[in-house]
């Protein structure tokens, strides 16, 4: 799901509906991923 958010092919609202998750939660996961991705891919 994070990859879908990063690609920006769909809006947060569309993804939230698709995965039945609140848009704020998706935004939080995206933010967390971007904060930690450098360490994950070292």
PDB file of N, CA and C in Angstrom:
ATOM      1  N   UNK A   1       0.821  -1.180   0.000  1.00  0.00           N
ATOM      2  CA  UNK A   1       0.000   0.000   0.000  1.00  0.00           C
ATOM      3  C   UNK A   1       0.869   1.248   0.000  1.00  0.00           C
ATOM      4  N   UNK A   2       1.964   1.223   0.736  1.00  0.00           N
ATOM      5  CA  UNK A   2       2.841   2.402   0.773  1.00  0.00           C
ATOM      6  C   UNK A   2       3.351   2.728  -0.621  1.00  0.00           C
ATOM      7  N   UNK A   3       3.693   1.711  -1.391  1.00  0.00           N
ATOM      8  CA  UNK A   3       4.156   1.956  -2.759  1.00  0.00           C
ATOM      9  C   UNK A   3       3.065   2.604  -3.607  1.00  0.00           C
ATOM     10  N   UNK A   4       1.843   2.192  -3.407  1.00  0.00           N
ATOM     11  CA  UNK A   4       0.733   2.822  -4.133  1.00  0.00           C
ATOM     12  C   UNK A   4       0.604   4.294  -3.757  1.00  0.00           C
ATOM     13  N   UNK A   5       0.787   4.587  -2.490  1.00  0.00           N
ATOM     14  CA  UNK A   5       0.714   5.980  -2.029  1.00  0.00           C
ATOM     15  C   UNK A   5       1.850   6.794  -2.642  1.00  0.00           C
ATOM     16  N   UNK A   6       3.050   6.228  -2.652  1.00  0.00           N
ATOM     17  CA  UNK A   6       4.206   6.949  -3.193  1.00  0.00           C
ATOM     18  C   UNK A   6       4.083   7.180  -4.691  1.00  0.00           C
ATOM     19  N   UNK A   7       3.491   6.255  -5.400  1.00  0.00           N
ATOM     20  CA  UNK A   7       3.307   6.415  -6.848  1.00  0.00           C
ATOM     21  C   UNK A   7       2.317   7.527  -7.179  1.00  0.00           C
ATOM     22  N   UNK A   8       1.402   7.793  -6.254  1.00  0.00           N
ATOM     23  CA  UNK A   8       0.385   8.834  -6.410  1.00  0.00           C
ATOM     24  C   UNK A   8      -0.516   8.609  -7.625  1.00  0.00           C
ATOM     25  N   UNK A   9      -0.786   7.348  -7.925  1.00  0.00           N
ATOM     26  CA  UNK A   9      -1.713   7.024  -9.007  1.00  0.00           C
ATOM     27  C   UNK A   9      -3.155   7.186  -8.552  1.00  0.00           C
ATOM     28  N   UNK A  10      -3.358   7.070  -7.235  1.00  0.00           N
ATOM     29  CA  UNK A  10      -4.694   7.192  -6.648  1.00  0.00           C
ATOM     30  C   UNK A  10      -4.619   8.162  -5.477  1.00  0.00           C
ATOM     31  N   UNK A  11      -5.715   8.793  -5.194  1.00  0.00           N
ATOM     32  CA  UNK A  11      -5.762   9.714  -4.057  1.00  0.00           C
ATOM     33  C   UNK A  11      -5.773   8.926  -2.745  1.00  0.00           C
ATOM     34  N   UNK A  12      -5.465   9.635  -1.665  1.00  0.00           N
ATOM     35  CA  UNK A  12      -5.533   8.999  -0.349  1.00  0.00           C
ATOM     36  C   UNK A  12      -6.942   8.496  -0.066  1.00  0.00           C
ATOM     37  N   UNK A  13      -7.927   9.261  -0.473  1.00  0.00           N
ATOM     38  CA  UNK A  13      -9.320   8.859  -0.240  1.00  0.00           C
ATOM     39  C   UNK A  13      -9.638   7.554  -0.976  1.00  0.00           C
ATOM     40  N   UNK A  14      -9.162   7.428  -2.206  1.00  0.00           N
ATOM     41  CA  UNK A  14      -9.401   6.204  -2.973  1.00  0.00           C
ATOM     42  C   UNK A  14      -8.723   5.001  -2.321  1.00  0.00           C
ATOM     43  N   UNK A  15      -7.473   5.192  -1.895  1.00  0.00           N
ATOM     44  CA  UNK A  15      -6.754   4.101  -1.250  1.00  0.00           C
ATOM     45  C   UNK A  15      -7.372   3.737   0.098  1.00  0.00           C
ATOM     46  N   UNK A  16      -7.808   4.745   0.822  1.00  0.00           N
ATOM     47  CA  UNK A  16      -8.454   4.487   2.111  1.00  0.00           C
ATOM     48  C   UNK A  16      -9.718   3.653   1.919  1.00  0.00           C
ATOM     49  N   UNK A  17     -10.476   3.982   0.905  1.00  0.00           N
ATOM     50  CA  UNK A  17     -11.686   3.216   0.630  1.00  0.00           C
ATOM     51  C   UNK A  17     -11.317   1.795   0.178  1.00  0.00           C
ATOM     52  N   UNK A  18     -10.323   1.679  -0.674  1.00  0.00           N
ATOM     53  CA  UNK A  18      -9.911   0.372  -1.189  1.00  0.00           C
ATOM     54  C   UNK A  18      -9.467  -0.553  -0.063  1.00  0.00           C
ATOM     55  N   UNK A  19      -8.673  -0.037   0.868  1.00  0.00           N
ATOM     56  CA  UNK A  19      -8.117  -0.854   1.952  1.00  0.00           C
ATOM     57  C   UNK A  19      -8.898  -0.749   3.261  1.00  0.00           C
ATOM     58  N   UNK A  20      -9.967   0.029   3.232  1.00  0.00           N
ATOM     59  CA  UNK A  20     -10.825   0.213   4.406  1.00  0.00           C
ATOM     60  C   UNK A  20     -10.021   0.707   5.610  1.00  0.00           C
ATOM     61  N   UNK A  21      -9.232   1.741   5.359  1.00  0.00           N
ATOM     62  CA  UNK A  21      -8.383   2.360   6.384  1.00  0.00           C
ATOM     63  C   UNK A  21      -8.620   3.867   6.316  1.00  0.00           C
ATOM     64  N   UNK A  22      -8.546   4.541   7.441  1.00  0.00           N
ATOM     65  CA  UNK A  22      -8.732   5.986   7.478  1.00  0.00           C
ATOM     66  C   UNK A  22      -7.569   6.663   6.734  1.00  0.00           C
ATOM     67  N   UNK A  23      -7.843   7.687   5.927  1.00  0.00           N
ATOM     68  CA  UNK A  23      -6.788   8.386   5.186  1.00  0.00           C
ATOM     69  C   UNK A  23      -5.652   8.908   6.073  1.00  0.00           C
ATOM     70  N   UNK A  24      -5.977   9.310   7.292  1.00  0.00           N
ATOM     71  CA  UNK A  24      -4.946   9.795   8.207  1.00  0.00           C
ATOM     72  C   UNK A  24      -3.938   8.689   8.524  1.00  0.00           C
ATOM     73  N   UNK A  25      -4.414   7.460   8.654  1.00  0.00           N
ATOM     74  CA  UNK A  25      -3.517   6.335   8.935  1.00  0.00           C
ATOM     75  C   UNK A  25      -2.568   6.116   7.758  1.00  0.00           C
ATOM     76  N   UNK A  26      -3.069   6.221   6.562  1.00  0.00           N
ATOM     77  CA  UNK A  26      -2.222   6.063   5.370  1.00  0.00           C
ATOM     78  C   UNK A  26      -1.162   7.155   5.339  1.00  0.00           C
ATOM     79  N   UNK A  27      -1.552   8.370   5.629  1.00  0.00           N
ATOM     80  CA  UNK A  27      -0.590   9.476   5.666  1.00  0.00           C
ATOM     81  C   UNK A  27       0.491   9.246   6.708  1.00  0.00           C
ATOM     82  N   UNK A  28       0.089   8.730   7.853  1.00  0.00           N
ATOM     83  CA  UNK A  28       1.051   8.433   8.917  1.00  0.00           C
ATOM     84  C   UNK A  28       2.039   7.371   8.458  1.00  0.00           C
ATOM     85  N   UNK A  29       1.547   6.306   7.835  1.00  0.00           N
ATOM     86  CA  UNK A  29       2.434   5.240   7.351  1.00  0.00           C
ATOM     87  C   UNK A  29       3.376   5.767   6.278  1.00  0.00           C
ATOM     88  N   UNK A  30       2.873   6.615   5.401  1.00  0.00           N
ATOM     89  CA  UNK A  30       3.729   7.193   4.353  1.00  0.00           C
ATOM     90  C   UNK A  30       4.837   8.025   4.996  1.00  0.00           C
ATOM     91  N   UNK A  31       4.477   8.860   5.929  1.00  0.00           N
ATOM     92  CA  UNK A  31       5.449   9.702   6.619  1.00  0.00           C
ATOM     93  C   UNK A  31       6.490   8.844   7.333  1.00  0.00           C
ATOM     94  N   UNK A  32       6.042   7.822   8.049  1.00  0.00           N
ATOM     95  CA  UNK A  32       6.960   6.922   8.753  1.00  0.00           C
ATOM     96  C   UNK A  32       7.899   6.225   7.776  1.00  0.00           C
ATOM     97  N   UNK A  33       7.361   5.761   6.678  1.00  0.00           N
ATOM     98  CA  UNK A  33       8.192   5.082   5.678  1.00  0.00           C
ATOM     99  C   UNK A  33       9.271   6.018   5.144  1.00  0.00           C
ATOM    100  N   UNK A  34       8.881   7.228   4.791  1.00  0.00           N
ATOM    101  CA  UNK A  34       9.849   8.180   4.249  1.00  0.00           C
ATOM    102  C   UNK A  34      10.913   8.551   5.275  1.00  0.00           C
ATOM    103  N   UNK A  35      10.545   8.590   6.536  1.00  0.00           N
ATOM    104  CA  UNK A  35      11.516   8.882   7.600  1.00  0.00           C
ATOM    105  C   UNK A  35      12.532   7.763   7.784  1.00  0.00           C
ATOM    106  N   UNK A  36      12.101   6.504   7.588  1.00  0.00           N
ATOM    107  CA  UNK A  36      12.935   5.352   7.897  1.00  0.00           C
ATOM    108  C   UNK A  36      13.463   4.604   6.679  1.00  0.00           C
ATOM    109  N   UNK A  37      13.048   4.948   5.470  1.00  0.00           N
ATOM    110  CA  UNK A  37      13.413   4.150   4.298  1.00  0.00           C
ATOM    111  C   UNK A  37      14.922   4.102   4.047  1.00  0.00           C
ATOM    112  N   UNK A  38      15.627   5.165   4.332  1.00  0.00           N
ATOM    113  CA  UNK A  38      17.070   5.164   4.117  1.00  0.00           C
ATOM    114  C   UNK A  38      17.736   4.099   4.983  1.00  0.00           C
ATOM    115  N   UNK A  39      17.323   3.992   6.223  1.00  0.00           N
ATOM    116  CA  UNK A  39      17.902   2.983   7.111  1.00  0.00           C
ATOM    117  C   UNK A  39      17.513   1.567   6.705  1.00  0.00           C
ATOM    118  N   UNK A  40      16.301   1.416   6.225  1.00  0.00           N
ATOM    119  CA  UNK A  40      15.828   0.090   5.832  1.00  0.00           C
ATOM    120  C   UNK A  40      16.608  -0.437   4.633  1.00  0.00           C
ATOM    121  N   UNK A  41      16.948   0.453   3.701  1.00  0.00           N
ATOM    122  CA  UNK A  41      17.576   0.020   2.463  1.00  0.00           C
ATOM    123  C   UNK A  41      19.097   0.182   2.452  1.00  0.00           C
ATOM    124  N   UNK A  42      19.700   0.348   3.614  1.00  0.00           N
ATOM    125  CA  UNK A  42      21.162   0.430   3.677  1.00  0.00           C
ATOM    126  C   UNK A  42      21.792  -0.898   3.370  1.00  0.00           C
TER     127      UNK A  42
END
